[in-house]
Amino acid sequence: QVQLVESGGGLVQAGGSLRLSCAASGRIFSINAMGWYRQAPGKQRELVASITGGGWRNYVDSIKGRFTISRDNAKNTWYLQMNSLKPEDTAVYYCNADLNTYQSMGVMKGDYWGQGTQVTVSS
């Protein structure tokens, strides 16, 4: 069983900053890629940022230059530093991991999600 636990959401004024964290625990063999998604009311969930095991980062255009994704491999934890926040960044943010776990039959690949954390940016 794998769990992704998020923290760091909250209410902030426009122009402020927040840092989200996602910690993965369980029978993890390795993590292939980590990401952050968000879903605003009435909208589809969208990929905000991702980072591969090799360190390749990808960002959606709307947050480039403002958000930074990083990871701590030793802790199986990744982060989303969000600066210069805008009201349109308001959403529930979900962490995601493409990872490999130890199973009775060997190592198996799977896709896992955190529970979501609310980020609200006031104008």
PDB file of N, CA and C in Angstrom:
ATOM      1  N   GLN A   1       0.849  -1.194   0.000  1.00  0.00           N
ATOM      2  CA  GLN A   1       0.000   0.000   0.000  1.00  0.00           C
ATOM      3  C   GLN A   1       0.883   1.241   0.000  1.00  0.00           C
ATOM      4  N   VAL A   2       0.544   2.189  -0.855  1.00  0.00           N
ATOM      5  CA  VAL A   2       1.290   3.435  -0.949  1.00  0.00           C
ATOM      6  C   VAL A   2       0.376   4.578  -0.553  1.00  0.00           C
ATOM      7  N   GLN A   3       0.904   5.490   0.207  1.00  0.00           N
ATOM      8  CA  GLN A   3       0.154   6.696   0.564  1.00  0.00           C
ATOM      9  C   GLN A   3       0.915   7.935   0.149  1.00  0.00           C
ATOM     10  N   LEU A   4       0.202   8.902  -0.397  1.00  0.00           N
ATOM     11  CA  LEU A   4       0.761  10.217  -0.683  1.00  0.00           C
ATOM     12  C   LEU A   4       0.040  11.201   0.215  1.00  0.00           C
ATOM     13  N   VAL A   5       0.804  11.895   1.047  1.00  0.00           N
ATOM     14  CA  VAL A   5       0.222  12.835   1.993  1.00  0.00           C
ATOM     15  C   VAL A   5       0.691  14.239   1.655  1.00  0.00           C
ATOM     16  N   GLU A   6      -0.272  15.111   1.393  1.00  0.00           N
ATOM     17  CA  GLU A   6       0.039  16.476   1.008  1.00  0.00           C
ATOM     18  C   GLU A   6      -0.091  17.408   2.198  1.00  0.00           C
ATOM     19  N   SER A   7       0.613  18.509   2.118  1.00  0.00           N
ATOM     20  CA  SER A   7       0.487  19.557   3.122  1.00  0.00           C
ATOM     21  C   SER A   7       0.895  20.880   2.496  1.00  0.00           C
ATOM     22  N   GLY A   8       0.495  21.974   3.147  1.00  0.00           N
ATOM     23  CA  GLY A   8       0.963  23.289   2.729  1.00  0.00           C
ATOM     24  C   GLY A   8      -0.057  24.189   2.065  1.00  0.00           C
ATOM     25  N   GLY A   9      -1.253  23.699   1.818  1.00  0.00           N
ATOM     26  CA  GLY A   9      -2.251  24.562   1.209  1.00  0.00           C
ATOM     27  C   GLY A   9      -2.759  25.601   2.199  1.00  0.00           C
ATOM     28  N   GLY A  10      -3.602  26.499   1.704  1.00  0.00           N
ATOM     29  CA  GLY A  10      -4.158  27.507   2.583  1.00  0.00           C
ATOM     30  C   GLY A  10      -4.673  28.715   1.826  1.00  0.00           C
ATOM     31  N   LEU A  11      -4.909  29.776   2.567  1.00  0.00           N
ATOM     32  CA  LEU A  11      -5.421  31.031   2.022  1.00  0.00           C
ATOM     33  C   LEU A  11      -4.297  32.057   2.018  1.00  0.00           C
ATOM     34  N   VAL A  12      -4.141  32.719   0.881  1.00  0.00           N
ATOM     35  CA  VAL A  12      -3.073  33.712   0.746  1.00  0.00           C
ATOM     36  C   VAL A  12      -3.580  34.837  -0.132  1.00  0.00           C
ATOM     37  N   GLN A  13      -3.033  36.015   0.081  1.00  0.00           N
ATOM     38  CA  GLN A  13      -3.399  37.145  -0.766  1.00  0.00           C
ATOM     39  C   GLN A  13      -2.652  37.084  -2.091  1.00  0.00           C
ATOM     40  N   ALA A  14      -3.218  37.704  -3.086  1.00  0.00           N
ATOM     41  CA  ALA A  14      -2.551  37.772  -4.387  1.00  0.00           C
ATOM     42  C   ALA A  14      -1.154  38.358  -4.218  1.00  0.00           C
ATOM     43  N   GLY A  15      -0.203  37.751  -4.915  1.00  0.00           N
ATOM     44  CA  GLY A  15       1.188  38.156  -4.794  1.00  0.00           C
ATOM     45  C   GLY A  15       1.963  37.388  -3.744  1.00  0.00           C
ATOM     46  N   GLY A  16       1.261  36.634  -2.928  1.00  0.00           N
ATOM     47  CA  GLY A  16       1.906  35.871  -1.871  1.00  0.00           C
ATOM     48  C   GLY A  16       2.461  34.558  -2.356  1.00  0.00           C
ATOM     49  N   SER A  17       2.962  33.768  -1.393  1.00  0.00           N
ATOM     50  CA  SER A  17       3.612  32.501  -1.712  1.00  0.00           C
ATOM     51  C   SER A  17       3.087  31.391  -0.814  1.00  0.00           C
ATOM     52  N   LEU A  18       3.131  30.188  -1.335  1.00  0.00           N
ATOM     53  CA  LEU A  18       2.846  28.974  -0.581  1.00  0.00           C
ATOM     54  C   LEU A  18       3.782  27.885  -1.070  1.00  0.00           C
ATOM     55  N   ARG A  19       4.045  26.934  -0.199  1.00  0.00           N
ATOM     56  CA  ARG A  19       4.848  25.775  -0.582  1.00  0.00           C
ATOM     57  C   ARG A  19       4.074  24.516  -0.247  1.00  0.00           C
ATOM     58  N   LEU A  20       3.800  23.729  -1.255  1.00  0.00           N
ATOM     59  CA  LEU A  20       3.129  22.448  -1.068  1.00  0.00           C
ATOM     60  C   LEU A  20       4.165  21.345  -0.959  1.00  0.00           C
ATOM     61  N   SER A  21       3.850  20.360  -0.125  1.00  0.00           N
ATOM     62  CA  SER A  21       4.709  19.188   0.023  1.00  0.00           C
ATOM     63  C   SER A  21       3.875  17.940  -0.188  1.00  0.00           C
ATOM     64  N   CYS A  22       4.527  16.920  -0.715  1.00  0.00           N
ATOM     65  CA  CYS A  22       3.884  15.616  -0.886  1.00  0.00           C
ATOM     66  C   CYS A  22       4.875  14.542  -0.480  1.00  0.00           C
ATOM     67  N   ALA A  23       4.513  13.771   0.515  1.00  0.00           N
ATOM     68  CA  ALA A  23       5.381  12.710   1.005  1.00  0.00           C
ATOM     69  C   ALA A  23       4.777  11.357   0.663  1.00  0.00           C
ATOM     70  N   ALA A  24       5.564  10.535   0.027  1.00  0.00           N
ATOM     71  CA  ALA A  24       5.125   9.189  -0.342  1.00  0.00           C
ATOM     72  C   ALA A  24       5.680   8.181   0.652  1.00  0.00           C
ATOM     73  N   SER A  25       4.836   7.247   1.057  1.00  0.00           N
ATOM     74  CA  SER A  25       5.275   6.198   1.983  1.00  0.00           C
ATOM     75  C   SER A  25       4.677   4.869   1.560  1.00  0.00           C
ATOM     76  N   GLY A  26       5.307   3.795   2.038  1.00  0.00           N
ATOM     77  CA  GLY A  26       4.846   2.456   1.689  1.00  0.00           C
ATOM     78  C   GLY A  26       5.976   1.644   1.108  1.00  0.00           C
ATOM     79  N   ARG A  27       5.629   0.575   0.431  1.00  0.00           N
ATOM     80  CA  ARG A  27       6.625  -0.346  -0.112  1.00  0.00           C
ATOM     81  C   ARG A  27       7.105   0.153  -1.472  1.00  0.00           C
ATOM     82  N   ILE A  28       7.813   1.274  -1.421  1.00  0.00           N
ATOM     83  CA  ILE A  28       8.264   1.935  -2.644  1.00  0.00           C
ATOM     84  C   ILE A  28       9.632   1.426  -3.046  1.00  0.00           C
ATOM     85  N   PHE A  29       9.727   0.990  -4.269  1.00  0.00           N
ATOM     86  CA  PHE A  29      11.016   0.564  -4.818  1.00  0.00           C
ATOM     87  C   PHE A  29      11.725   1.750  -5.468  1.00  0.00           C
ATOM     88  N   SER A  30      10.993   2.490  -6.282  1.00  0.00           N
ATOM     89  CA  SER A  30      11.548   3.675  -6.928  1.00  0.00           C
ATOM     90  C   SER A  30      10.412   4.550  -7.438  1.00  0.00           C
ATOM     91  N   ILE A  31      10.726   5.820  -7.647  1.00  0.00           N
ATOM     92  CA  ILE A  31       9.735   6.758  -8.177  1.00  0.00           C
ATOM     93  C   ILE A  31      10.184   7.203  -9.560  1.00  0.00           C
ATOM     94  N   ASN A  32       9.332   7.009 -10.551  1.00  0.00           N
ATOM     95  CA  ASN A  32       9.674   7.351 -11.929  1.00  0.00           C
ATOM     96  C   ASN A  32       9.461   8.829 -12.211  1.00  0.00           C
ATOM     97  N   ALA A  33       8.337   9.342 -11.750  1.00  0.00           N
ATOM     98  CA  ALA A  33       8.017  10.744 -11.981  1.00  0.00           C
ATOM     99  C   ALA A  33       7.046  11.217 -10.907  1.00  0.00           C
ATOM    100  N   MET A  34       7.129  12.499 -10.624  1.00  0.00           N
ATOM    101  CA  MET A  34       6.269  13.113  -9.620  1.00  0.00           C
ATOM    102  C   MET A  34       5.635  14.332 -10.248  1.00  0.00           C
ATOM    103  N   GLY A  35       4.432  14.637  -9.806  1.00  0.00           N
ATOM    104  CA  GLY A  35       3.781  15.793 -10.396  1.00  0.00           C
ATOM    105  C   GLY A  35       2.780  16.435  -9.468  1.00  0.00           C
ATOM    106  N   TRP A  36       2.367  17.628  -9.900  1.00  0.00           N
ATOM    107  CA  TRP A  36       1.302  18.355  -9.229  1.00  0.00           C
ATOM    108  C   TRP A  36       0.227  18.705 -10.249  1.00  0.00           C
ATOM    109  N   TYR A  37      -1.016  18.417  -9.893  1.00  0.00           N
ATOM    110  CA  TYR A  37      -2.174  18.762 -10.698  1.00  0.00           C
ATOM    111  C   TYR A  37      -3.035  19.720  -9.881  1.00  0.00           C
ATOM    112  N   ARG A  38      -3.942  20.392 -10.572  1.00  0.00           N
ATOM    113  CA  ARG A  38      -4.912  21.216  -9.850  1.00  0.00           C
ATOM    114  C   ARG A  38      -6.258  21.156 -10.569  1.00  0.00           C
ATOM    115  N   GLN A  39      -7.303  21.369  -9.762  1.00  0.00           N
ATOM    116  CA  GLN A  39      -8.649  21.378 -10.311  1.00  0.00           C
ATOM    117  C   GLN A  39      -9.432  22.510  -9.671  1.00  0.00           C
ATOM    118  N   ALA A  40      -9.809  23.459 -10.500  1.00  0.00           N
ATOM    119  CA  ALA A  40     -10.626  24.576 -10.053  1.00  0.00           C
ATOM    120  C   ALA A  40     -12.098  24.210 -10.225  1.00  0.00           C
ATOM    121  N   PRO A  41     -12.991  24.872  -9.493  1.00  0.00           N
ATOM    122  CA  PRO A  41     -14.417  24.555  -9.609  1.00  0.00           C
ATOM    123  C   PRO A  41     -14.907  24.693 -11.042  1.00  0.00           C
ATOM    124  N   GLY A  42     -15.587  23.664 -11.510  1.00  0.00           N
ATOM    125  CA  GLY A  42     -16.139  23.700 -12.859  1.00  0.00           C
ATOM    126  C   GLY A  42     -15.154  23.450 -13.971  1.00  0.00           C
ATOM    127  N   LYS A  43     -13.916  23.139 -13.618  1.00  0.00           N
ATOM    128  CA  LYS A  43     -12.886  22.914 -14.635  1.00  0.00           C
ATOM    129  C   LYS A  43     -12.296  21.520 -14.494  1.00  0.00           C
ATOM    130  N   GLN A  44     -11.649  21.089 -15.565  1.00  0.00           N
ATOM    131  CA  GLN A  44     -10.992  19.793 -15.543  1.00  0.00           C
ATOM    132  C   GLN A  44      -9.679  19.867 -14.773  1.00  0.00           C
ATOM    133  N   ARG A  45      -9.274  18.740 -14.254  1.00  0.00           N
ATOM    134  CA  ARG A  45      -7.981  18.671 -13.579  1.00  0.00           C
ATOM    135  C   ARG A  45      -6.889  18.851 -14.619  1.00  0.00           C
ATOM    136  N   GLU A  46      -5.893  19.686 -14.272  1.00  0.00           N
ATOM    137  CA  GLU A  46      -4.814  19.946 -15.220  1.00  0.00           C
ATOM    138  C   GLU A  46      -3.466  19.706 -14.548  1.00  0.00           C
ATOM    139  N   LEU A  47      -2.513  19.270 -15.366  1.00  0.00           N
ATOM    140  CA  LEU A  47      -1.148  19.105 -14.885  1.00  0.00           C
ATOM    141  C   LEU A  47      -0.509  20.485 -14.754  1.00  0.00           C
ATOM    142  N   VAL A  48       0.033  20.759 -13.590  1.00  0.00           N
ATOM    143  CA  VAL A  48       0.681  22.039 -13.331  1.00  0.00           C
ATOM    144  C   VAL A  48       2.193  21.925 -13.528  1.00  0.00           C
ATOM    145  N   ALA A  49       2.785  20.902 -12.948  1.00  0.00           N
ATOM    146  CA  ALA A  49       4.237  20.736 -13.025  1.00  0.00           C
ATOM    147  C   ALA A  49       4.573  19.274 -12.789  1.00  0.00           C
ATOM    148  N   SER A  50       5.672  18.845 -13.383  1.00  0.00           N
ATOM    149  CA  SER A  50       6.130  17.472 -13.174  1.00  0.00           C
ATOM    150  C   SER A  50       7.647  17.439 -13.194  1.00  0.00           C
ATOM    151  N   ILE A  51       8.185  16.393 -12.579  1.00  0.00           N
ATOM    152  CA  ILE A  51       9.630  16.196 -12.564  1.00  0.00           C
ATOM    153  C   ILE A  51       9.891  14.699 -12.651  1.00  0.00           C
ATOM    154  N   THR A  52      10.807  14.317 -13.526  1.00  0.00           N
ATOM    155  CA  THR A  52      11.125  12.907 -13.702  1.00  0.00           C
ATOM    156  C   THR A  52      12.224  12.483 -12.730  1.00  0.00           C
ATOM    157  N   GLY A  53      12.469  11.182 -12.707  1.00  0.00           N
ATOM    158  CA  GLY A  53      13.551  10.691 -11.875  1.00  0.00           C
ATOM    159  C   GLY A  53      14.901  11.261 -12.270  1.00  0.00           C
ATOM    160  N   GLY A  54      15.040  11.613 -13.537  1.00  0.00           N
ATOM    161  CA  GLY A  54      16.281  12.194 -14.016  1.00  0.00           C
ATOM    162  C   GLY A  54      16.370  13.689 -13.823  1.00  0.00           C
ATOM    163  N   GLY A  55      15.303  14.291 -13.265  1.00  0.00           N
ATOM    164  CA  GLY A  55      15.340  15.711 -12.970  1.00  0.00           C
ATOM    165  C   GLY A  55      14.749  16.614 -14.040  1.00  0.00           C
ATOM    166  N   TRP A  56      14.162  16.013 -15.085  1.00  0.00           N
ATOM    167  CA  TRP A  56      13.567  16.839 -16.150  1.00  0.00           C
ATOM    168  C   TRP A  56      12.267  17.444 -15.633  1.00  0.00           C
ATOM    169  N   ARG A  57      12.150  18.756 -15.724  1.00  0.00           N
ATOM    170  CA  ARG A  57      10.987  19.474 -15.229  1.00  0.00           C
ATOM    171  C   ARG A  57      10.111  19.961 -16.374  1.00  0.00           C
ATOM    172  N   ASN A  58       8.827  19.963 -16.132  1.00  0.00           N
ATOM    173  CA  ASN A  58       7.875  20.458 -17.122  1.00  0.00           C
ATOM    174  C   ASN A  58       6.814  21.273 -16.394  1.00  0.00           C
ATOM    175  N   TYR A  59       6.453  22.416 -16.993  1.00  0.00           N
ATOM    176  CA  TYR A  59       5.481  23.303 -16.379  1.00  0.00           C
ATOM    177  C   TYR A  59       4.414  23.718 -17.389  1.00  0.00           C
ATOM    178  N   VAL A  60       3.209  23.904 -16.895  1.00  0.00           N
ATOM    179  CA  VAL A  60       2.169  24.490 -17.740  1.00  0.00           C
ATOM    180  C   VAL A  60       2.497  25.966 -17.925  1.00  0.00           C
ATOM    181  N   ASP A  61       2.153  26.506 -19.079  1.00  0.00           N
ATOM    182  CA  ASP A  61       2.558  27.880 -19.411  1.00  0.00           C
ATOM    183  C   ASP A  61       2.087  28.905 -18.385  1.00  0.00           C
ATOM    184  N   SER A  62       0.907  28.709 -17.834  1.00  0.00           N
ATOM    185  CA  SER A  62       0.318  29.716 -16.959  1.00  0.00           C
ATOM    186  C   SER A  62       1.084  29.920 -15.653  1.00  0.00           C
ATOM    187  N   ILE A  63       1.969  29.017 -15.286  1.00  0.00           N
ATOM    188  CA  ILE A  63       2.702  29.140 -14.026  1.00  0.00           C
ATOM    189  C   ILE A  63       4.208  29.248 -14.212  1.00  0.00           C
ATOM    190  N   LYS A  64       4.661  29.247 -15.433  1.00  0.00           N
ATOM    191  CA  LYS A  64       6.099  29.339 -15.687  1.00  0.00           C
ATOM    192  C   LYS A  64       6.662  30.637 -15.126  1.00  0.00           C
ATOM    193  N   GLY A  65       7.791  30.498 -14.449  1.00  0.00           N
ATOM    194  CA  GLY A  65       8.425  31.659 -13.836  1.00  0.00           C
ATOM    195  C   GLY A  65       7.905  31.986 -12.458  1.00  0.00           C
ATOM    196  N   ARG A  66       6.809  31.356 -12.058  1.00  0.00           N
ATOM    197  CA  ARG A  66       6.233  31.619 -10.734  1.00  0.00           C
ATOM    198  C   ARG A  66       6.300  30.398  -9.819  1.00  0.00           C
ATOM    199  N   PHE A  67       6.135  29.216 -10.367  1.00  0.00           N
ATOM    200  CA  PHE A  67       6.134  27.977  -9.578  1.00  0.00           C
ATOM    201  C   PHE A  67       7.400  27.183  -9.880  1.00  0.00           C
ATOM    202  N   THR A  68       7.871  26.459  -8.878  1.00  0.00           N
ATOM    203  CA  THR A  68       9.036  25.590  -9.042  1.00  0.00           C
ATOM    204  C   THR A  68       8.759  24.250  -8.378  1.00  0.00           C
ATOM    205  N   ILE A  69       8.978  23.187  -9.132  1.00  0.00           N
ATOM    206  CA  ILE A  69       8.838  21.848  -8.572  1.00  0.00           C
ATOM    207  C   ILE A  69      10.227  21.331  -8.208  1.00  0.00           C
ATOM    208  N   SER A  70      10.324  20.661  -7.067  1.00  0.00           N
ATOM    209  CA  SER A  70      11.596  20.092  -6.643  1.00  0.00           C
ATOM    210  C   SER A  70      11.318  18.801  -5.888  1.00  0.00           C
ATOM    211  N   ARG A  71      12.381  18.063  -5.607  1.00  0.00           N
ATOM    212  CA  ARG A  71      12.168  16.782  -4.929  1.00  0.00           C
ATOM    213  C   ARG A  71      13.329  16.482  -3.998  1.00  0.00           C
ATOM    214  N   ASP A  72      13.053  15.667  -3.014  1.00  0.00           N
ATOM    215  CA  ASP A  72      14.068  15.132  -2.107  1.00  0.00           C
ATOM    216  C   ASP A  72      13.952  13.621  -2.204  1.00  0.00           C
ATOM    217  N   ASN A  73      14.825  13.019  -2.984  1.00  0.00           N
ATOM    218  CA  ASN A  73      14.729  11.582  -3.236  1.00  0.00           C
ATOM    219  C   ASN A  73      14.894  10.753  -1.957  1.00  0.00           C
ATOM    220  N   ALA A  74      15.733  11.227  -1.060  1.00  0.00           N
ATOM    221  CA  ALA A  74      15.989  10.470   0.169  1.00  0.00           C
ATOM    222  C   ALA A  74      14.736  10.377   1.035  1.00  0.00           C
ATOM    223  N   LYS A  75      13.869  11.374   0.909  1.00  0.00           N
ATOM    224  CA  LYS A  75      12.653  11.402   1.730  1.00  0.00           C
ATOM    225  C   LYS A  75      11.409  11.003   0.939  1.00  0.00           C
ATOM    226  N   ASN A  76      11.573  10.663  -0.337  1.00  0.00           N
ATOM    227  CA  ASN A  76      10.408  10.380  -1.203  1.00  0.00           C
ATOM    228  C   ASN A  76       9.381  11.510  -1.101  1.00  0.00           C
ATOM    229  N   THR A  77       9.878  12.705  -1.161  1.00  0.00           N
ATOM    230  CA  THR A  77       9.041  13.888  -0.995  1.00  0.00           C
ATOM    231  C   THR A  77       9.307  14.853  -2.129  1.00  0.00           C
ATOM    232  N   TRP A  78       8.267  15.500  -2.600  1.00  0.00           N
ATOM    233  CA  TRP A  78       8.430  16.543  -3.584  1.00  0.00           C
ATOM    234  C   TRP A  78       7.605  17.760  -3.204  1.00  0.00           C
ATOM    235  N   TYR A  79       7.979  18.873  -3.816  1.00  0.00           N
ATOM    236  CA  TYR A  79       7.462  20.164  -3.389  1.00  0.00           C
ATOM    237  C   TYR A  79       7.009  20.996  -4.585  1.00  0.00           C
ATOM    238  N   LEU A  80       6.123  21.915  -4.314  1.00  0.00           N
ATOM    239  CA  LEU A  80       5.749  22.903  -5.303  1.00  0.00           C
ATOM    240  C   LEU A  80       5.815  24.264  -4.619  1.00  0.00           C
ATOM    241  N   GLN A  81       6.841  25.023  -4.961  1.00  0.00           N
ATOM    242  CA  GLN A  81       6.968  26.372  -4.449  1.00  0.00           C
ATOM    243  C   GLN A  81       6.193  27.298  -5.369  1.00  0.00           C
ATOM    244  N   MET A  82       5.220  27.996  -4.798  1.00  0.00           N
ATOM    245  CA  MET A  82       4.340  28.850  -5.595  1.00  0.00           C
ATOM    246  C   MET A  82       4.527  30.290  -5.152  1.00  0.00           C
ATOM    247  N   ASN A  83       5.037  31.092  -6.060  1.00  0.00           N
ATOM    248  CA  ASN A  83       5.257  32.515  -5.794  1.00  0.00           C
ATOM    249  C   ASN A  83       4.357  33.362  -6.687  1.00  0.00           C
ATOM    250  N   SER A  84       4.231  34.623  -6.326  1.00  0.00           N
ATOM    251  CA  SER A  84       3.421  35.564  -7.125  1.00  0.00           C
ATOM    252  C   SER A  84       2.058  34.969  -7.450  1.00  0.00           C
ATOM    253  N   LEU A  85       1.415  34.448  -6.447  1.00  0.00           N
ATOM    254  CA  LEU A  85       0.134  33.768  -6.660  1.00  0.00           C
ATOM    255  C   LEU A  85      -0.938  34.741  -7.134  1.00  0.00           C
ATOM    256  N   LYS A  86      -1.811  34.216  -7.974  1.00  0.00           N
ATOM    257  CA  LYS A  86      -2.908  34.982  -8.556  1.00  0.00           C
ATOM    258  C   LYS A  86      -4.232  34.335  -8.178  1.00  0.00           C
ATOM    259  N   PRO A  87      -5.313  35.091  -8.175  1.00  0.00           N
ATOM    260  CA  PRO A  87      -6.622  34.494  -7.863  1.00  0.00           C
ATOM    261  C   PRO A  87      -6.955  33.308  -8.768  1.00  0.00           C
ATOM    262  N   GLU A  88      -6.501  33.350 -10.010  1.00  0.00           N
ATOM    263  CA  GLU A  88      -6.782  32.235 -10.924  1.00  0.00           C
ATOM    264  C   GLU A  88      -6.004  30.967 -10.582  1.00  0.00           C
ATOM    265  N   ASP A  89      -5.094  31.041  -9.626  1.00  0.00           N
ATOM    266  CA  ASP A  89      -4.404  29.834  -9.155  1.00  0.00           C
ATOM    267  C   ASP A  89      -5.237  29.087  -8.115  1.00  0.00           C
ATOM    268  N   THR A  90      -6.347  29.666  -7.708  1.00  0.00           N
ATOM    269  CA  THR A  90      -7.210  29.019  -6.721  1.00  0.00           C
ATOM    270  C   THR A  90      -7.730  27.694  -7.254  1.00  0.00           C
ATOM    271  N   ALA A  91      -7.504  26.639  -6.488  1.00  0.00           N
ATOM    272  CA  ALA A  91      -7.894  25.293  -6.909  1.00  0.00           C
ATOM    273  C   ALA A  91      -7.547  24.314  -5.794  1.00  0.00           C
ATOM    274  N   VAL A  92      -8.015  23.086  -5.975  1.00  0.00           N
ATOM    275  CA  VAL A  92      -7.516  21.983  -5.157  1.00  0.00           C
ATOM    276  C   VAL A  92      -6.306  21.410  -5.879  1.00  0.00           C
ATOM    277  N   TYR A  93      -5.209  21.307  -5.182  1.00  0.00           N
ATOM    278  CA  TYR A  93      -3.968  20.807  -5.749  1.00  0.00           C
ATOM    279  C   TYR A  93      -3.741  19.363  -5.300  1.00  0.00           C
ATOM    280  N   TYR A  94      -3.420  18.518  -6.272  1.00  0.00           N
ATOM    281  CA  TYR A  94      -3.207  17.096  -6.013  1.00  0.00           C
ATOM    282  C   TYR A  94      -1.786  16.716  -6.408  1.00  0.00           C
ATOM    283  N   CYS A  95      -1.134  15.937  -5.572  1.00  0.00           N
ATOM    284  CA  CYS A  95       0.145  15.391  -6.002  1.00  0.00           C
ATOM    285  C   CYS A  95      -0.083  14.009  -6.619  1.00  0.00           C
ATOM    286  N   ASN A  96       0.823  13.656  -7.476  1.00  0.00           N
ATOM    287  CA  ASN A  96       0.720  12.413  -8.239  1.00  0.00           C
ATOM    288  C   ASN A  96       2.098  11.797  -8.360  1.00  0.00           C
ATOM    289  N   ALA A  97       2.139  10.466  -8.344  1.00  0.00           N
ATOM    290  CA  ALA A  97       3.413   9.783  -8.507  1.00  0.00           C
ATOM    291  C   ALA A  97       3.245   8.559  -9.388  1.00  0.00           C
ATOM    292  N   ASP A  98       4.163   8.419 -10.294  1.00  0.00           N
ATOM    293  CA  ASP A  98       4.299   7.209 -11.113  1.00  0.00           C
ATOM    294  C   ASP A  98       5.467   6.464 -10.480  1.00  0.00           C
ATOM    295  N   LEU A  99       5.156   5.364  -9.779  1.00  0.00           N
ATOM    296  CA  LEU A  99       6.229   4.728  -9.018  1.00  0.00           C
ATOM    297  C   LEU A  99       6.113   3.216  -9.058  1.00  0.00           C
ATOM    298  N   ASN A 100       7.178   2.591  -8.596  1.00  0.00           N
ATOM    299  CA  ASN A 100       7.270   1.134  -8.558  1.00  0.00           C
ATOM    300  C   ASN A 100       7.261   0.671  -7.104  1.00  0.00           C
ATOM    301  N   THR A 101       6.477  -0.367  -6.844  1.00  0.00           N
ATOM    302  CA  THR A 101       6.361  -0.868  -5.476  1.00  0.00           C
ATOM    303  C   THR A 101       6.749  -2.344  -5.406  1.00  0.00           C
ATOM    304  N   TYR A 102       7.182  -2.758  -4.217  1.00  0.00           N
ATOM    305  CA  TYR A 102       7.460  -4.158  -3.962  1.00  0.00           C
ATOM    306  C   TYR A 102       6.132  -4.877  -3.779  1.00  0.00           C
ATOM    307  N   GLN A 103       5.920  -5.927  -4.531  1.00  0.00           N
ATOM    308  CA  GLN A 103       4.745  -6.770  -4.378  1.00  0.00           C
ATOM    309  C   GLN A 103       5.220  -8.214  -4.214  1.00  0.00           C
ATOM    310  N   SER A 104       4.289  -9.081  -3.842  1.00  0.00           N
ATOM    311  CA  SER A 104       4.659 -10.496  -3.639  1.00  0.00           C
ATOM    312  C   SER A 104       5.191 -11.123  -4.912  1.00  0.00           C
ATOM    313  N   MET A 105       4.731 -10.615  -6.077  1.00  0.00           N
ATOM    314  CA  MET A 105       5.168 -11.182  -7.354  1.00  0.00           C
ATOM    315  C   MET A 105       6.371 -10.449  -7.923  1.00  0.00           C
ATOM    316  N   GLY A 106       6.851  -9.439  -7.209  1.00  0.00           N
ATOM    317  CA  GLY A 106       7.982  -8.670  -7.706  1.00  0.00           C
ATOM    318  C   GLY A 106       7.679  -7.187  -7.648  1.00  0.00           C
ATOM    319  N   VAL A 107       8.339  -6.418  -8.511  1.00  0.00           N
ATOM    320  CA  VAL A 107       8.152  -4.976  -8.540  1.00  0.00           C
ATOM    321  C   VAL A 107       7.075  -4.631  -9.558  1.00  0.00           C
ATOM    322  N   MET A 108       6.121  -3.785  -9.146  1.00  0.00           N
ATOM    323  CA  MET A 108       5.023  -3.423 -10.032  1.00  0.00           C
ATOM    324  C   MET A 108       4.904  -1.908 -10.130  1.00  0.00           C
ATOM    325  N   LYS A 109       4.566  -1.470 -11.314  1.00  0.00           N
ATOM    326  CA  LYS A 109       4.417  -0.038 -11.593  1.00  0.00           C
ATOM    327  C   LYS A 109       2.982   0.396 -11.311  1.00  0.00           C
ATOM    328  N   GLY A 110       2.825   1.597 -10.752  1.00  0.00           N
ATOM    329  CA  GLY A 110       1.490   2.089 -10.473  1.00  0.00           C
ATOM    330  C   GLY A 110       1.437   3.600 -10.448  1.00  0.00           C
ATOM    331  N   ASP A 111       0.225   4.124 -10.473  1.00  0.00           N
ATOM    332  CA  ASP A 111      -0.024   5.558 -10.467  1.00  0.00           C
ATOM    333  C   ASP A 111      -0.821   5.896  -9.209  1.00  0.00           C
ATOM    334  N   TYR A 112      -0.343   6.863  -8.430  1.00  0.00           N
ATOM    335  CA  TYR A 112      -0.949   7.145  -7.135  1.00  0.00           C
ATOM    336  C   TYR A 112      -1.232   8.635  -6.987  1.00  0.00           C
ATOM    337  N   TRP A 113      -2.266   8.929  -6.177  1.00  0.00           N
ATOM    338  CA  TRP A 113      -2.695  10.299  -5.960  1.00  0.00           C
ATOM    339  C   TRP A 113      -2.767  10.648  -4.483  1.00  0.00           C
ATOM    340  N   GLY A 114      -2.492  11.916  -4.189  1.00  0.00           N
ATOM    341  CA  GLY A 114      -2.728  12.430  -2.858  1.00  0.00           C
ATOM    342  C   GLY A 114      -4.194  12.802  -2.691  1.00  0.00           C
ATOM    343  N   GLN A 115      -4.545  13.229  -1.491  1.00  0.00           N
ATOM    344  CA  GLN A 115      -5.942  13.507  -1.173  1.00  0.00           C
ATOM    345  C   GLN A 115      -6.383  14.898  -1.631  1.00  0.00           C
ATOM    346  N   GLY A 116      -5.432  15.737  -1.968  1.00  0.00           N
ATOM    347  CA  GLY A 116      -5.755  17.089  -2.406  1.00  0.00           C
ATOM    348  C   GLY A 116      -5.651  18.093  -1.282  1.00  0.00           C
ATOM    349  N   THR A 117      -5.195  19.281  -1.620  1.00  0.00           N
ATOM    350  CA  THR A 117      -5.110  20.357  -0.641  1.00  0.00           C
ATOM    351  C   THR A 117      -5.596  21.646  -1.296  1.00  0.00           C
ATOM    352  N   GLN A 118      -6.411  22.384  -0.575  1.00  0.00           N
ATOM    353  CA  GLN A 118      -7.024  23.589  -1.125  1.00  0.00           C
ATOM    354  C   GLN A 118      -6.044  24.754  -1.083  1.00  0.00           C
ATOM    355  N   VAL A 119      -5.934  25.432  -2.211  1.00  0.00           N
ATOM    356  CA  VAL A 119      -5.181  26.685  -2.296  1.00  0.00           C
ATOM    357  C   VAL A 119      -6.161  27.768  -2.734  1.00  0.00           C
ATOM    358  N   THR A 120      -6.292  28.794  -1.920  1.00  0.00           N
ATOM    359  CA  THR A 120      -7.193  29.899  -2.224  1.00  0.00           C
ATOM    360  C   THR A 120      -6.405  31.201  -2.229  1.00  0.00           C
ATOM    361  N   VAL A 121      -6.482  31.916  -3.339  1.00  0.00           N
ATOM    362  CA  VAL A 121      -5.776  33.183  -3.475  1.00  0.00           C
ATOM    363  C   VAL A 121      -6.804  34.302  -3.566  1.00  0.00           C
ATOM    364  N   SER A 122      -6.768  35.198  -2.625  1.00  0.00           N
ATOM    365  CA  SER A 122      -7.722  36.301  -2.604  1.00  0.00           C
ATOM    366  C   SER A 122      -7.149  37.514  -3.327  1.00  0.00           C
ATOM    367  N   SER A 123      -8.035  38.280  -3.916  1.00  0.00           N
ATOM    368  CA  SER A 123      -7.590  39.452  -4.678  1.00  0.00           C
ATOM    369  C   SER A 123      -7.533  40.690  -3.801  1.00  0.00           C
TER     370      SER A 123
END
